[in-house]
Amino acid sequence: MAQHHIITTEDRNILVRGLFMLLLAFVYQLSGTVLFCVAVIQFLFAALNGAPNARLLAFGHNLSTYLRQIARFLTFSSEDLPFPFSDWPSGD
């Protein structure tokens, strides 16, 4: 006799979360590439000008906060969806 599994709201919620996790894992990898590029450009600014670029400092800070938000969501440490489902992190 075949058993029928009824999809509950809890099952649906975990599937939706799984889809968000896949999307955000991709964004995390892409953001890591952006972080690498920012680090290289910032190094060049510091080497050539003797100081890092202030705008890149602010962006790097916000990007690192964003990566932390994604990591917290992916590891179930937070239920808050990061950007683009909430505001981009700003320097605090």
C-alpha atoms as a PDB file:
ATOM      1  CA  MET A   1       0.000   0.000   0.000  1.00  0.00           C
ATOM      2  CA  ALA A   2       1.467   3.329  -1.041  1.00  0.00           C
ATOM      3  CA  GLN A   3       1.880   6.051   1.525  1.00  0.00           C
ATOM      4  CA  HIS A   4       1.054   9.585   0.505  1.00  0.00           C
ATOM      5  CA  HIS A   5       3.155  12.327   1.961  1.00  0.00           C
ATOM      6  CA  ILE A   6       1.296  15.551   2.373  1.00  0.00           C
ATOM      7  CA  ILE A   7       3.562  18.574   1.993  1.00  0.00           C
ATOM      8  CA  THR A   8       3.134  20.646   5.111  1.00  0.00           C
ATOM      9  CA  THR A   9       3.731  24.349   5.555  1.00  0.00           C
ATOM     10  CA  GLU A  10       6.930  23.492   7.404  1.00  0.00           C
ATOM     11  CA  ASP A  11       8.144  21.379   4.447  1.00  0.00           C
ATOM     12  CA  ARG A  12       7.321  24.197   2.052  1.00  0.00           C
ATOM     13  CA  ASN A  13       9.130  26.727   4.259  1.00  0.00           C
ATOM     14  CA  ILE A  14      12.318  24.661   4.331  1.00  0.00           C
ATOM     15  CA  LEU A  15      12.155  24.197   0.544  1.00  0.00           C
ATOM     16  CA  VAL A  16      11.749  27.945   0.018  1.00  0.00           C
ATOM     17  CA  ARG A  17      14.635  28.551   2.421  1.00  0.00           C
ATOM     18  CA  GLY A  18      16.688  26.036   0.466  1.00  0.00           C
ATOM     19  CA  LEU A  19      16.064  27.982  -2.736  1.00  0.00           C
ATOM     20  CA  PHE A  20      17.154  31.202  -1.017  1.00  0.00           C
ATOM     21  CA  MET A  21      20.224  29.390   0.278  1.00  0.00           C
ATOM     22  CA  LEU A  22      21.208  28.259  -3.224  1.00  0.00           C
ATOM     23  CA  LEU A  23      20.775  31.773  -4.579  1.00  0.00           C
ATOM     24  CA  LEU A  24      22.712  33.353  -1.731  1.00  0.00           C
ATOM     25  CA  ALA A  25      25.506  30.759  -1.937  1.00  0.00           C
ATOM     26  CA  PHE A  26      25.988  31.822  -5.564  1.00  0.00           C
ATOM     27  CA  VAL A  27      25.925  35.509  -4.558  1.00  0.00           C
ATOM     28  CA  TYR A  28      28.457  34.742  -1.791  1.00  0.00           C
ATOM     29  CA  GLN A  29      30.872  33.264  -4.326  1.00  0.00           C
ATOM     30  CA  LEU A  30      30.394  36.200  -6.677  1.00  0.00           C
ATOM     31  CA  SER A  31      30.879  38.656  -3.818  1.00  0.00           C
ATOM     32  CA  GLY A  32      34.084  36.868  -2.854  1.00  0.00           C
ATOM     33  CA  THR A  33      35.412  37.596  -6.340  1.00  0.00           C
ATOM     34  CA  VAL A  34      34.435  41.253  -5.954  1.00  0.00           C
ATOM     35  CA  LEU A  35      36.185  41.292  -2.566  1.00  0.00           C
ATOM     36  CA  PHE A  36      39.355  39.932  -4.157  1.00  0.00           C
ATOM     37  CA  CYS A  37      39.259  42.653  -6.847  1.00  0.00           C
ATOM     38  CA  VAL A  38      38.686  45.365  -4.235  1.00  0.00           C
ATOM     39  CA  ALA A  39      41.615  44.046  -2.197  1.00  0.00           C
ATOM     40  CA  VAL A  40      43.952  44.113  -5.216  1.00  0.00           C
ATOM     41  CA  ILE A  41      42.850  47.620  -6.231  1.00  0.00           C
ATOM     42  CA  GLN A  42      43.151  48.823  -2.645  1.00  0.00           C
ATOM     43  CA  PHE A  43      46.666  47.376  -2.437  1.00  0.00           C
ATOM     44  CA  LEU A  44      47.619  49.240  -5.596  1.00  0.00           C
ATOM     45  CA  PHE A  45      46.211  52.500  -4.195  1.00  0.00           C
ATOM     46  CA  ALA A  46      48.153  52.022  -0.979  1.00  0.00           C
ATOM     47  CA  ALA A  47      51.364  51.115  -2.816  1.00  0.00           C
ATOM     48  CA  LEU A  48      51.150  54.010  -5.273  1.00  0.00           C
ATOM     49  CA  ASN A  49      49.633  56.741  -3.080  1.00  0.00           C
ATOM     50  CA  GLY A  50      50.888  55.723   0.339  1.00  0.00           C
ATOM     51  CA  ALA A  51      47.317  55.347   1.665  1.00  0.00           C
ATOM     52  CA  PRO A  52      44.235  53.302   0.879  1.00  0.00           C
ATOM     53  CA  ASN A  53      41.308  54.815  -1.015  1.00  0.00           C
ATOM     54  CA  ALA A  54      38.611  56.080   1.385  1.00  0.00           C
ATOM     55  CA  ARG A  55      35.688  55.071  -0.844  1.00  0.00           C
ATOM     56  CA  LEU A  56      37.069  51.561  -1.244  1.00  0.00           C
ATOM     57  CA  LEU A  57      37.550  51.376   2.531  1.00  0.00           C
ATOM     58  CA  ALA A  58      33.855  52.125   3.060  1.00  0.00           C
ATOM     59  CA  PHE A  59      32.764  49.738   0.302  1.00  0.00           C
ATOM     60  CA  GLY A  60      35.048  46.992   1.638  1.00  0.00           C
ATOM     61  CA  HIS A  61      33.600  47.409   5.109  1.00  0.00           C
ATOM     62  CA  ASN A  62      30.034  47.165   3.778  1.00  0.00           C
ATOM     63  CA  LEU A  63      30.915  44.214   1.537  1.00  0.00           C
ATOM     64  CA  SER A  64      32.455  42.317   4.450  1.00  0.00           C
ATOM     65  CA  THR A  65      29.311  42.977   6.501  1.00  0.00           C
ATOM     66  CA  TYR A  66      27.227  41.685   3.584  1.00  0.00           C
ATOM     67  CA  LEU A  67      29.309  38.506   3.324  1.00  0.00           C
ATOM     68  CA  ARG A  68      28.862  37.989   7.061  1.00  0.00           C
ATOM     69  CA  GLN A  69      25.076  38.394   6.711  1.00  0.00           C
ATOM     70  CA  ILE A  70      24.993  35.791   3.935  1.00  0.00           C
ATOM     71  CA  ALA A  71      27.160  33.376   5.942  1.00  0.00           C
ATOM     72  CA  ARG A  72      24.879  33.760   8.969  1.00  0.00           C
ATOM     73  CA  PHE A  73      21.815  32.995   6.830  1.00  0.00           C
ATOM     74  CA  LEU A  74      23.461  30.002   5.127  1.00  0.00           C
ATOM     75  CA  THR A  75      24.463  28.480   8.475  1.00  0.00           C
ATOM     76  CA  PHE A  76      21.001  29.026  10.019  1.00  0.00           C
ATOM     77  CA  SER A  77      22.465  31.536  12.502  1.00  0.00           C
ATOM     78  CA  SER A  78      19.993  34.106  11.202  1.00  0.00           C
ATOM     79  CA  GLU A  79      16.626  34.065   9.478  1.00  0.00           C
ATOM     80  CA  ASP A  80      17.143  37.577   8.091  1.00  0.00           C
ATOM     81  CA  LEU A  81      17.522  37.595   4.322  1.00  0.00           C
ATOM     82  CA  PRO A  82      20.377  39.859   3.218  1.00  0.00           C
ATOM     83  CA  PHE A  83      20.423  42.245   0.224  1.00  0.00           C
ATOM     84  CA  PRO A  84      18.566  42.339  -2.200  1.00  0.00           C
ATOM     85  CA  PHE A  85      15.802  41.190   0.149  1.00  0.00           C
ATOM     86  CA  SER A  86      16.768  43.852   2.683  1.00  0.00           C
ATOM     87  CA  ASP A  87      18.827  47.046   2.629  1.00  0.00           C
ATOM     88  CA  TRP A  88      22.493  47.021   1.607  1.00  0.00           C
ATOM     89  CA  PRO A  89      24.646  47.237   4.739  1.00  0.00           C
ATOM     90  CA  SER A  90      25.877  50.720   5.511  1.00  0.00           C
ATOM     91  CA  GLY A  91      28.906  51.722   7.550  1.00  0.00           C
ATOM     92  CA  ASP A  92      28.057  51.672  11.227  1.00  0.00           C
END
